[in-house]
């Protein structure tokens, strides 16, 4: 579509297009294969959809969602990536998220922008600590979860044991829709529980293309697979006996999870997952504003910013704000209002972002993610809307930092670049940037949920601003929000703690440990402190 093509902005169009959208996130523990699965989903969709719907790499040397050089070097996801592609008549909006616990705040923001989650489990490790934390966020937000047990091509645990772990540890009823034929490490294919057929997979070179599938009737599967087929059928029957039959109501009320088995690196089971997402994942629904009223899908355009990122394109020093469309039809070039500031924002530079690659975006609908370029005026949590009535969606909480370090440039002649870089990191939420009267505005303190955030901040300040940074770590372990800012002038913390002001204006009080916090409260009757959202939500 070109900029001069008329856009149908009627309410029926918004409803129709919203019904085609499936917006979901992939969550898991580090190294469970999230980015590989993301690549496999996009790769598979490109093969069976219209040419050019996805612009991913065909090889396995790297994944397009991991665009930062530090991600590619370490083989981990540090930032979230937004990918969109067509699959049949559906439009898939896939948000890949960091798995590392140090970046859980970024994952939390992404989960605010999706309607469903795919929980990825390693066949050998099952439910791991970060998976549990992220699932708790999904449960808190009422997000339905589809489970994909990955890496079945490698040695791992028994399928029944993994299903039982899901049931016992997170109180979620596993409802397998496929069942592996062959134990982990000898993956032959899956039993399709919808019709009892055997889906046999064939490996491709490096897993770089969609795995060919062959559908066999049960009798032939028994003849060719023998004991492996018999064991799969009997195991699947045991799941039914224990209450694991599929119930769509359990999925939507987040008490049950459909379970699929596969291998992202070999593209085994990827088609099943895509088909299930299209058939089952919730469509976009009206969102509620801070005043308690719902913004209908057919209302004028509205959306909220859930992520801000700079440096995705090394050729341009622009800033991208990722916004989820909540209602109406977005048209590139429209002038919208930032409900946080009340100021207008022009959307001349709107793009669809696929990892590091970008294409101009002319129109978007509820459920889509748009990339707004040169968006230095936007912050995470901002609401954008067009027309009336005005709307403002609830903001996103900042996690409680658990690590603190004073930051300063190693070369004072780079102080200007240092300050500019720090301001940018604060806007993106890479680290929380704090100042204190004790140290002065020129000496920022970084607050982080996890220590790897410090590494990312230092790496980016050097790579993007040519500024070598030194960090002096502080001993603080406890943080609270100051309930009454007036008490800052009247309450002496001594050497037990320190006052900080965050870049967004929030006043914080930090303490060396729980004992220091308790002593301060005992010595200062009426001292008002409030907890923050924990980084280990």
Protein backbone atom coordinates (compact mmCIF):
# COMPACT_ATOMS: atom_id res chain seq x y z
CA UNK A 1 0.00 0.00 0.00
CA UNK A 2 1.31 3.44 -0.90
CA UNK A 3 0.88 6.65 0.99
CA UNK A 4 -1.66 7.85 -1.59
CA UNK A 5 -3.87 4.76 -1.41
CA UNK A 6 -7.15 5.55 0.40
CA UNK A 7 -7.48 3.77 3.72
CA UNK A 8 -10.82 2.42 4.89
CA UNK A 9 -11.04 3.65 8.48
CA UNK A 10 -14.60 2.47 9.14
CA UNK A 11 -15.44 0.63 12.32
CA UNK A 12 -16.23 -2.53 10.34
CA UNK A 13 -12.69 -2.48 8.95
CA UNK A 14 -11.18 -2.17 12.44
CA UNK A 15 -13.27 -5.12 13.66
CA UNK A 16 -12.52 -7.25 10.61
CA UNK A 17 -8.79 -6.60 10.69
CA UNK A 18 -8.59 -7.05 14.46
CA UNK A 19 -10.18 -10.49 14.08
CA UNK A 20 -7.25 -11.49 11.82
CA UNK A 21 -4.61 -10.47 14.37
CA UNK A 22 -2.85 -12.85 16.76
CA UNK A 23 -0.47 -11.00 19.07
CA UNK A 24 1.62 -13.13 21.41
CA UNK A 25 4.95 -13.33 23.20
CA UNK A 26 7.40 -16.19 23.56
CA UNK A 27 8.61 -16.62 27.15
CA UNK A 28 11.08 -19.01 28.70
CA UNK A 29 14.22 -19.51 30.74
CA UNK A 30 17.51 -18.56 29.02
CA UNK A 31 18.79 -21.12 26.50
CA UNK A 32 15.42 -22.83 26.08
CA UNK A 33 15.44 -21.80 22.41
CA UNK A 34 13.19 -18.73 22.23
CA UNK A 35 15.03 -16.87 19.49
CA UNK A 36 15.51 -20.07 17.50
CA UNK A 37 11.78 -20.81 17.72
CA UNK A 38 10.99 -17.22 16.74
CA UNK A 39 13.17 -17.66 13.64
CA UNK A 40 11.57 -21.02 12.88
CA UNK A 41 8.05 -19.60 13.07
CA UNK A 42 8.93 -16.72 10.75
CA UNK A 43 10.85 -19.01 8.40
CA UNK A 44 8.01 -21.51 8.22
CA UNK A 45 5.44 -18.81 7.54
CA UNK A 46 7.56 -17.40 4.70
CA UNK A 47 7.68 -20.78 3.02
CA UNK A 48 3.91 -21.30 2.98
CA UNK A 49 2.71 -17.68 2.76
CA UNK A 50 3.09 -15.01 0.11
CA UNK A 51 6.66 -14.27 -0.93
CA UNK A 52 8.14 -11.33 0.89
CA UNK A 53 5.88 -11.54 3.93
CA UNK A 54 8.93 -12.17 6.05
CA UNK A 55 12.45 -10.96 5.39
CA UNK A 56 14.40 -13.36 7.57
CA UNK A 57 17.70 -15.09 7.00
CA UNK A 58 17.62 -18.61 5.66
CA UNK A 59 20.69 -19.86 7.51
CA UNK A 60 21.29 -20.66 11.14
CA UNK A 61 24.32 -18.43 11.63
CA UNK A 62 22.17 -16.00 13.61
CA UNK A 63 18.57 -15.04 14.23
CA UNK A 64 17.06 -11.83 12.95
CA UNK A 65 15.40 -11.02 16.27
CA UNK A 66 18.78 -10.79 18.01
CA UNK A 67 19.98 -7.60 16.32
CA UNK A 68 22.39 -6.23 18.94
CA UNK A 69 26.03 -7.26 18.48
CA UNK A 70 26.26 -8.18 22.16
CA UNK A 71 23.30 -10.57 21.70
CA UNK A 72 24.91 -12.19 18.69
CA UNK A 73 28.25 -12.56 20.45
CA UNK A 74 26.78 -14.19 23.57
CA UNK A 75 23.91 -16.08 21.95
CA UNK A 76 21.31 -14.60 24.31
CA UNK A 77 18.42 -12.20 23.95
CA UNK A 78 18.91 -8.87 25.71
CA UNK A 79 16.21 -6.80 24.05
CA UNK A 80 12.70 -7.64 22.94
CA UNK A 81 12.03 -7.94 19.23
CA UNK A 82 8.78 -7.29 17.37
CA UNK A 83 8.11 -9.37 14.26
CA UNK A 84 5.02 -9.36 12.00
CA UNK A 85 4.22 -11.76 9.18
CA UNK A 86 1.28 -13.27 7.35
CA UNK A 87 0.20 -16.87 7.86
CA UNK A 88 -2.71 -17.86 5.68
CA UNK A 89 -5.39 -15.22 6.23
CA UNK A 90 -4.07 -14.35 9.70
CA UNK A 91 -1.57 -11.66 10.65
CA UNK A 92 0.92 -12.80 13.28
CA UNK A 93 2.45 -10.24 15.66
CA UNK A 94 5.19 -12.10 17.50
CA UNK A 95 7.11 -10.47 20.34
CA UNK A 96 10.33 -12.22 21.27
CA UNK A 97 11.44 -11.43 24.81
CA UNK A 98 14.66 -11.62 26.84
CA UNK A 99 14.87 -14.79 28.88
CA UNK A 100 17.64 -13.68 31.22
CA UNK A 101 16.34 -12.70 34.66
CA UNK A 102 18.33 -9.47 34.58
CA UNK A 103 16.03 -8.19 31.83
CA UNK A 104 12.71 -9.29 33.32
CA UNK A 105 11.48 -5.68 33.42
CA UNK A 106 11.63 -5.54 29.62
CA UNK A 107 9.73 -8.82 29.42
CA UNK A 108 7.07 -7.50 31.79
CA UNK A 109 6.51 -4.51 29.50
CA UNK A 110 6.17 -6.75 26.47
CA UNK A 111 3.59 -8.94 28.22
CA UNK A 112 1.43 -5.86 28.66
CA UNK A 113 1.16 -5.65 24.86
CA UNK A 114 0.12 -9.23 24.02
CA UNK A 115 -3.06 -11.30 24.14
CA UNK A 116 -1.42 -14.70 24.58
CA UNK A 117 1.92 -16.29 25.47
CA UNK A 118 3.84 -19.31 24.25
CA UNK A 119 5.71 -20.85 27.17
CA UNK A 120 8.78 -22.65 25.89
CA UNK A 121 10.20 -25.51 27.95
CA UNK A 122 13.47 -27.35 27.45
CA UNK A 123 12.70 -31.08 27.20
CA UNK A 124 15.65 -31.91 29.43
CA UNK A 125 15.08 -29.21 32.08
CA UNK A 126 11.34 -28.61 32.25
CA UNK A 127 10.15 -25.65 34.30
CA UNK A 128 13.14 -23.48 35.20
CA UNK A 129 13.27 -20.49 37.61
CA UNK A 130 12.85 -17.68 35.08
CA UNK A 131 10.04 -19.55 33.34
CA UNK A 132 8.21 -19.72 36.65
CA UNK A 133 8.64 -15.98 37.22
CA UNK A 134 7.40 -15.10 33.77
CA UNK A 135 4.47 -17.47 34.09
CA UNK A 136 3.52 -15.70 37.33
CA UNK A 137 3.34 -12.44 35.35
CA UNK A 138 1.09 -14.14 32.79
CA UNK A 139 -1.14 -15.46 35.54
CA UNK A 140 -1.29 -12.05 37.22
CA UNK A 141 -2.37 -10.47 33.92
CA UNK A 142 -4.73 -13.34 33.02
CA UNK A 143 -2.82 -14.15 29.82
CA UNK A 144 -3.68 -17.56 28.30
CA UNK A 145 -0.63 -19.78 27.77
CA UNK A 146 0.25 -22.33 25.09
CA UNK A 147 3.12 -24.66 26.05
CA UNK A 148 5.70 -25.85 23.51
CA UNK A 149 8.11 -28.48 24.81
CA UNK A 150 11.23 -27.84 22.77
CA UNK A 151 14.44 -29.71 21.93
CA UNK A 152 12.78 -33.13 21.67
CA UNK A 153 15.53 -33.98 19.19
CA UNK A 154 17.97 -34.10 22.13
CA UNK A 155 18.07 -36.42 25.16
CA UNK A 156 15.60 -35.29 27.78
CA UNK A 157 12.95 -36.26 30.30
CA UNK A 158 9.86 -38.42 29.91
CA UNK A 159 6.87 -36.63 28.36
CA UNK A 160 4.51 -37.76 31.14
CA UNK A 161 6.90 -36.44 33.79
CA UNK A 162 7.04 -33.04 32.10
CA UNK A 163 3.25 -32.80 31.95
CA UNK A 164 2.99 -33.79 35.59
CA UNK A 165 5.51 -31.10 36.52
CA UNK A 166 3.39 -28.45 34.79
CA UNK A 167 0.36 -29.62 36.74
CA UNK A 168 2.06 -29.83 40.11
CA UNK A 169 4.36 -26.79 40.07
CA UNK A 170 2.18 -24.12 38.42
CA UNK A 171 -1.28 -25.64 38.90
CA UNK A 172 -1.98 -25.54 35.17
CA UNK A 173 -3.75 -28.52 33.60
CA UNK A 174 -1.63 -29.82 30.69
CA UNK A 175 -3.81 -30.60 27.65
CA UNK A 176 -1.54 -32.21 25.02
CA UNK A 177 -2.67 -31.78 21.42
CA UNK A 178 0.30 -33.70 20.06
CA UNK A 179 2.38 -36.45 21.66
CA UNK A 180 5.98 -37.35 20.76
CA UNK A 181 6.70 -40.61 18.99
CA UNK A 182 10.11 -41.71 20.13
CA UNK A 183 11.76 -40.70 23.38
CA UNK A 184 13.61 -37.41 23.67
CA UNK A 185 16.71 -37.68 21.49
CA UNK A 186 15.04 -40.13 19.04
CA UNK A 187 12.30 -37.84 17.74
CA UNK A 188 10.34 -39.58 14.95
CA UNK A 189 7.31 -37.32 14.83
CA UNK A 190 4.10 -36.74 16.77
CA UNK A 191 0.76 -38.37 17.38
CA UNK A 192 -1.86 -35.84 16.29
CA UNK A 193 -4.47 -36.30 18.98
CA UNK A 194 -7.17 -34.60 16.89
CA UNK A 195 -7.49 -37.59 14.55
CA UNK A 196 -5.02 -40.18 15.85
CA UNK A 197 -2.71 -39.91 12.84
CA UNK A 198 1.09 -40.04 12.92
CA UNK A 199 2.92 -36.95 11.62
CA UNK A 200 6.42 -38.03 10.64
CA UNK A 201 9.08 -35.35 10.16
CA UNK A 202 12.09 -35.37 7.87
CA UNK A 203 15.24 -33.44 8.74
CA UNK A 204 16.50 -30.73 6.42
CA UNK A 205 20.04 -29.40 6.12
CA UNK A 206 20.74 -27.35 9.22
CA UNK A 207 17.02 -26.94 9.86
CA UNK A 208 17.10 -23.97 7.48
CA UNK A 209 13.82 -24.84 5.78
CA UNK A 210 10.45 -26.08 6.99
CA UNK A 211 10.60 -29.78 7.80
CA UNK A 212 8.63 -31.95 5.35
CA UNK A 213 5.76 -33.82 6.98
CA UNK A 214 4.20 -37.18 6.14
CA UNK A 215 0.80 -38.14 7.58
CA UNK A 216 0.31 -41.87 8.30
CA UNK A 217 -2.82 -43.67 9.46
CA UNK A 218 -2.55 -45.41 12.88
CA UNK A 219 -2.30 -48.92 11.41
CA UNK A 220 0.63 -47.98 9.20
CA UNK A 221 2.26 -46.03 12.04
CA UNK A 222 2.10 -49.15 14.21
CA UNK A 223 3.59 -51.22 11.42
CA UNK A 224 6.49 -48.83 10.77
CA UNK A 225 7.19 -47.44 14.26
CA UNK A 226 6.27 -50.43 16.38
CA UNK A 227 6.94 -50.02 20.10
CA UNK A 228 7.52 -46.25 19.83
CA UNK A 229 4.01 -45.80 18.39
CA UNK A 230 2.40 -48.08 20.96
CA UNK A 231 4.11 -46.26 23.83
CA UNK A 232 2.99 -42.86 22.47
CA UNK A 233 -0.66 -43.99 22.17
CA UNK A 234 -0.71 -45.50 25.67
CA UNK A 235 0.97 -42.46 27.24
CA UNK A 236 -1.48 -40.09 25.60
CA UNK A 237 -4.37 -42.17 26.93
CA UNK A 238 -2.97 -41.86 30.46
CA UNK A 239 -3.08 -38.07 30.13
CA UNK A 240 -6.78 -38.24 29.22
CA UNK A 241 -7.50 -40.47 32.23
CA UNK A 242 -5.88 -37.89 34.53
CA UNK A 243 -8.05 -35.05 33.18
CA UNK A 244 -5.85 -33.80 30.35
CA UNK A 245 -8.46 -33.78 27.59
CA UNK A 246 -8.55 -30.47 25.73
CA UNK A 247 -11.04 -27.93 27.11
CA UNK A 248 -11.01 -24.54 25.41
CA UNK A 249 -12.63 -22.92 28.47
CA UNK A 250 -9.63 -23.90 30.61
CA UNK A 251 -7.31 -22.24 28.13
CA UNK A 252 -9.18 -18.95 28.10
CA UNK A 253 -9.54 -18.77 31.88
CA UNK A 254 -5.82 -19.63 32.22
CA UNK A 255 -6.35 -22.82 34.22
CA UNK A 256 -5.21 -25.16 31.45
CA UNK A 257 -2.57 -25.08 28.73
CA UNK A 258 -2.50 -26.83 25.35
CA UNK A 259 0.81 -28.70 25.03
CA UNK A 260 2.77 -29.37 21.85
CA UNK A 261 6.08 -31.19 21.38
CA UNK A 262 8.72 -30.27 18.83
CA UNK A 263 12.15 -28.96 17.95
CA UNK A 264 12.60 -25.33 16.95
CA UNK A 265 16.07 -25.84 15.53
CA UNK A 266 14.81 -28.58 13.17
CA UNK A 267 11.42 -26.94 12.48
CA UNK A 268 9.66 -30.01 13.88
CA UNK A 269 6.21 -29.16 15.23
CA UNK A 270 6.37 -25.52 14.14
CA UNK A 271 3.40 -25.81 11.78
CA UNK A 272 1.28 -27.28 14.57
CA UNK A 273 2.16 -24.32 16.76
CA UNK A 274 1.33 -21.76 14.07
CA UNK A 275 -1.98 -23.47 13.28
CA UNK A 276 -2.87 -23.60 16.96
CA UNK A 277 -2.08 -19.90 17.45
CA UNK A 278 -4.31 -18.97 14.52
CA UNK A 279 -7.15 -21.20 15.67
CA UNK A 280 -7.00 -20.60 19.40
CA UNK A 281 -5.11 -17.46 20.45
CA UNK A 282 -7.39 -14.63 21.62
CA UNK A 283 -8.19 -11.84 19.20
CA UNK A 284 -7.64 -8.25 20.31
CA UNK A 285 -10.32 -7.01 22.71
CA UNK A 286 -11.24 -3.54 24.03
CA UNK A 287 -8.81 -2.15 26.61
CA UNK A 288 -9.82 -0.29 29.74
CA UNK A 289 -8.55 3.21 30.50
CA UNK A 290 -7.49 4.58 33.87
CA UNK A 291 -11.00 5.98 34.32
CA UNK A 292 -12.48 2.48 34.08
CA UNK A 293 -14.13 2.89 30.67
CA UNK A 294 -13.45 0.54 27.79
CA UNK A 295 -12.04 1.79 24.50
CA UNK A 296 -13.93 -0.13 21.82
CA UNK A 297 -12.05 -1.60 18.87
CA UNK A 298 -14.11 0.67 16.59
CA UNK A 299 -13.23 3.84 18.52
CA UNK A 300 -10.74 6.31 17.01
CA UNK A 301 -7.09 5.23 17.04
CA UNK A 302 -5.42 4.61 20.38
CA UNK A 303 -2.31 2.76 21.47
CA UNK A 304 0.28 2.63 24.21
CA UNK A 305 4.08 2.64 24.15
CA UNK A 306 5.55 -0.47 25.74
CA UNK A 307 9.15 -0.18 24.60
CA UNK A 308 11.65 2.48 23.49
CA UNK A 309 14.86 1.50 21.70
CA UNK A 310 17.76 3.43 20.16
CA UNK A 311 20.63 2.18 18.02
CA UNK A 312 18.84 -0.56 16.08
CA UNK A 313 20.09 0.96 12.84
CA UNK A 314 23.80 1.85 13.02
CA UNK A 315 23.42 4.18 10.03
CA UNK A 316 20.97 6.38 11.91
CA UNK A 317 20.97 7.59 15.51
CA UNK A 318 17.19 7.50 15.72
CA UNK A 319 14.97 6.32 18.51
CA UNK A 320 12.11 3.87 17.96
CA UNK A 321 9.04 3.75 20.19
CA UNK A 322 7.12 0.48 19.92
CA UNK A 323 3.38 0.96 20.40
CA UNK A 324 0.56 -1.57 20.52
CA UNK A 325 -2.51 -0.46 18.57
CA UNK A 326 -5.53 -0.83 20.85
CA UNK A 327 -8.38 0.66 18.83
CA UNK A 328 -9.27 2.14 15.48
CA UNK A 329 -7.13 2.41 12.37
CA UNK A 330 -3.64 3.89 12.47
CA UNK A 331 -2.54 5.84 9.38
CA UNK A 332 1.01 6.99 8.88
CA UNK A 333 1.18 10.77 9.01
CA UNK A 334 -1.74 11.25 11.36
CA UNK A 335 -1.21 13.61 14.28
CA UNK A 336 -2.08 12.02 17.60
CA UNK A 337 -2.10 13.24 21.18
CA UNK A 338 0.27 12.00 23.86
CA UNK A 339 -2.13 11.65 26.79
CA UNK A 340 0.75 11.83 29.29
CA UNK A 341 1.86 15.31 28.21
CA UNK A 342 -1.20 16.52 26.32
CA UNK A 343 1.07 17.43 23.39
CA UNK A 344 0.60 16.44 19.73
CA UNK A 345 2.86 13.86 18.11
CA UNK A 346 3.26 13.53 14.33
CA UNK A 347 3.56 9.98 13.01
CA UNK A 348 5.24 10.78 9.70
CA UNK A 349 7.90 8.14 10.25
CA UNK A 350 6.07 4.92 11.10
CA UNK A 351 7.67 1.60 10.30
CA UNK A 352 7.19 -2.09 10.67
CA UNK A 353 10.26 -3.46 12.41
CA UNK A 354 11.50 -7.01 11.85
CA UNK A 355 14.60 -7.43 13.96
CA UNK A 356 17.05 -4.99 12.40
CA UNK A 357 15.12 -4.64 9.16
CA UNK A 358 12.49 -1.96 8.60
CA UNK A 359 9.76 -1.25 6.08
CA UNK A 360 7.48 1.76 5.89
CA UNK A 361 4.14 1.15 7.57
CA UNK A 362 1.14 3.02 6.16
CA UNK A 363 -1.72 1.47 8.11
CA UNK A 364 -2.14 -0.69 11.22
CA UNK A 365 -5.05 -2.18 13.13
CA UNK A 366 -5.84 -3.33 16.70
CA UNK A 367 -3.27 -5.90 17.78
CA UNK A 368 -0.51 -4.59 15.53
CA UNK A 369 2.79 -3.20 16.80
CA UNK A 370 4.04 -0.02 15.12
CA UNK A 371 7.53 1.44 15.28
CA UNK A 372 7.49 5.24 15.60
CA UNK A 373 10.79 6.73 14.49
CA UNK A 374 12.43 9.86 15.92
CA UNK A 375 10.26 9.42 18.98
CA UNK A 376 12.40 11.19 21.57
CA UNK A 377 9.24 12.77 23.03
CA UNK A 378 7.75 9.37 23.91
CA UNK A 379 8.34 7.29 27.02
CA UNK A 380 7.42 3.78 28.06
CA UNK A 381 3.82 3.78 29.30
CA UNK A 382 2.65 6.76 27.22
CA UNK A 383 -0.82 6.56 25.65
CA UNK A 384 -1.37 7.90 22.13
CA UNK A 385 -4.84 8.66 20.81
CA UNK A 386 -6.63 10.43 17.98
CA UNK A 387 -9.94 12.23 18.16
CA UNK A 388 -12.38 12.09 21.05
CA UNK A 389 -13.12 10.86 23.57
CA UNK A 390 -9.60 11.07 24.94
CA UNK A 391 -8.17 8.00 26.63
CA UNK A 392 -5.26 7.13 28.86
CA UNK A 393 -4.32 3.55 29.56
CA UNK A 394 -2.69 2.47 32.85
CA UNK A 395 1.07 3.05 32.90
CA UNK A 396 3.68 0.35 33.33
CA UNK A 397 5.41 -0.03 36.69
CA UNK A 398 9.18 0.21 37.09
CA UNK A 399 10.73 -2.71 38.92
CA UNK A 400 12.62 -2.22 42.14
CA UNK A 401 16.36 -2.04 41.33
CA UNK A 402 18.47 -4.48 43.33
CA UNK A 403 21.95 -3.31 42.28
CA UNK A 404 23.42 0.20 42.30
CA UNK A 405 26.59 1.74 40.87
CA UNK A 406 27.94 5.27 40.43
CA UNK A 407 28.78 5.89 36.76
CA UNK A 408 31.32 8.37 35.40
CA UNK A 409 33.34 8.79 32.21
CA UNK A 410 36.90 7.52 32.26
CA UNK A 411 37.86 10.47 30.04
CA UNK A 412 36.38 13.75 31.28
CA UNK A 413 36.70 15.25 27.80
CA UNK A 414 33.87 12.87 26.82
CA UNK A 415 31.54 14.22 29.53
CA UNK A 416 29.07 15.65 27.00
CA UNK A 417 28.79 12.34 25.14
CA UNK A 418 28.49 10.54 28.46
CA UNK A 419 25.57 12.72 29.55
CA UNK A 420 23.81 12.30 26.23
CA UNK A 421 24.22 8.54 26.36
CA UNK A 422 23.00 8.30 29.95
CA UNK A 423 19.89 10.31 29.08
CA UNK A 424 19.21 7.93 26.19
CA UNK A 425 19.60 4.82 28.37
CA UNK A 426 17.18 6.35 30.89
CA UNK A 427 14.57 6.95 28.17
CA UNK A 428 14.83 3.36 27.00
CA UNK A 429 14.82 1.86 30.49
CA UNK A 430 18.08 -0.01 29.91
CA UNK A 431 18.97 0.99 33.48
CA UNK A 432 17.27 3.28 35.94
CA UNK A 433 19.18 6.55 36.17
CA UNK A 434 19.23 8.11 39.64
CA UNK A 435 20.64 11.31 41.11
CA UNK A 436 21.28 12.33 44.70
CA UNK A 437 22.07 15.53 46.60
CA UNK A 438 25.09 13.77 48.08
CA UNK A 439 26.70 13.22 44.67
CA UNK A 440 25.19 15.99 42.53
CA UNK A 441 23.35 15.91 39.20
CA UNK A 442 26.57 15.44 37.24
CA UNK A 443 27.28 12.06 38.83
CA UNK A 444 24.47 9.65 37.97
CA UNK A 445 23.84 6.39 39.75
CA UNK A 446 22.65 3.38 37.75
CA UNK A 447 20.00 1.16 39.30
CA UNK A 448 19.50 -2.31 37.80
CA UNK A 449 17.28 -5.32 38.38
CA UNK A 450 20.25 -7.55 37.47
CA UNK A 451 24.00 -6.93 37.07
CA UNK A 452 24.02 -7.74 33.35
CA UNK A 453 22.11 -4.50 32.79
CA UNK A 454 25.30 -2.70 33.86
CA UNK A 455 27.25 -4.61 31.22
CA UNK A 456 24.76 -3.62 28.51
CA UNK A 457 24.83 0.04 29.61
CA UNK A 458 28.64 0.19 29.60
CA UNK A 459 28.82 -1.66 26.27
CA UNK A 460 26.37 0.69 24.58
CA UNK A 461 27.92 3.87 25.96
CA UNK A 462 31.24 2.78 24.51
CA UNK A 463 29.92 1.46 21.20
CA UNK A 464 27.37 4.18 20.46
CA UNK A 465 28.89 7.24 22.12
CA UNK A 466 32.60 6.43 22.21
CA UNK A 467 32.58 6.86 25.98
CA UNK A 468 34.50 4.50 28.25
CA UNK A 469 32.62 4.28 31.55
CA UNK A 470 33.75 3.32 35.03
CA UNK A 471 31.39 1.98 37.67
CA UNK A 472 31.76 2.16 41.45
CA UNK A 473 29.33 -0.31 42.94
CA UNK A 474 27.34 0.74 46.00
CA UNK A 475 26.41 -1.51 48.92
CA UNK A 476 22.64 -0.89 48.83
CA UNK A 477 20.31 -3.87 48.69
CA UNK A 478 16.92 -2.49 49.73
CA UNK A 479 14.85 0.18 47.97
CA UNK A 480 11.59 1.90 48.86
CA UNK A 481 9.57 4.76 47.43
CA UNK A 482 9.42 7.87 49.61
CA UNK A 483 5.81 8.26 50.67
CA UNK A 484 6.03 11.93 51.67
CA UNK A 485 8.71 13.92 49.78
CA UNK A 486 8.71 16.56 52.56
CA UNK A 487 10.28 14.01 54.91
CA UNK A 488 13.44 13.99 52.81
CA UNK A 489 14.55 17.25 54.42
CA UNK A 490 13.71 16.19 57.96
CA UNK A 491 14.82 12.55 58.13
CA UNK A 492 18.53 11.78 58.46
CA UNK A 493 19.50 8.36 57.10
CA UNK A 494 23.06 8.50 58.44
CA UNK A 495 25.30 5.92 56.81
CA UNK A 496 22.46 3.43 56.61
CA UNK A 497 21.07 4.66 53.30
CA UNK A 498 20.67 7.40 50.73
CA UNK A 499 17.99 9.38 48.91
CA UNK A 500 17.76 9.11 45.12
CA UNK A 501 15.57 10.81 42.53
CA UNK A 502 14.80 8.67 39.50
CA UNK A 503 14.75 10.17 35.99
CA UNK A 504 10.93 10.09 36.00
CA UNK A 505 10.83 12.17 39.20
CA UNK A 506 10.10 9.32 41.61
CA UNK A 507 11.87 9.75 44.95
CA UNK A 508 13.50 6.61 46.30
CA UNK A 509 15.20 5.64 49.54
CA UNK A 510 17.84 2.91 49.48
CA UNK A 511 19.32 0.98 52.40
CA UNK A 512 22.31 -1.29 52.86
CA UNK A 513 20.14 -4.14 54.15
CA UNK A 514 16.91 -5.01 55.93
CA UNK A 515 18.42 -4.20 59.31
CA UNK A 516 19.30 -0.66 58.20
CA UNK A 517 15.73 -0.20 56.96
CA UNK A 518 14.27 -1.45 60.25
CA UNK A 519 16.56 0.78 62.34
CA UNK A 520 15.62 3.84 60.28
CA UNK A 521 11.92 3.17 60.72
CA UNK A 522 12.37 2.66 64.47
CA UNK A 523 14.32 5.91 64.90
CA UNK A 524 11.95 7.96 62.75
CA UNK A 525 8.36 7.41 63.78
CA UNK A 526 5.94 8.20 60.96
CA UNK A 527 8.55 7.86 58.21
CA UNK A 528 6.45 6.89 55.17
CA UNK A 529 7.92 4.35 52.76
CA UNK A 530 6.16 2.39 50.01
CA UNK A 531 7.25 -0.84 48.31
CA UNK A 532 7.96 -1.00 44.56
CA UNK A 533 7.21 -3.79 42.13
CA UNK A 534 9.89 -6.40 42.71
CA UNK A 535 12.23 -7.41 39.95
CA UNK A 536 11.39 -11.04 40.69
CA UNK A 537 7.68 -10.61 39.98
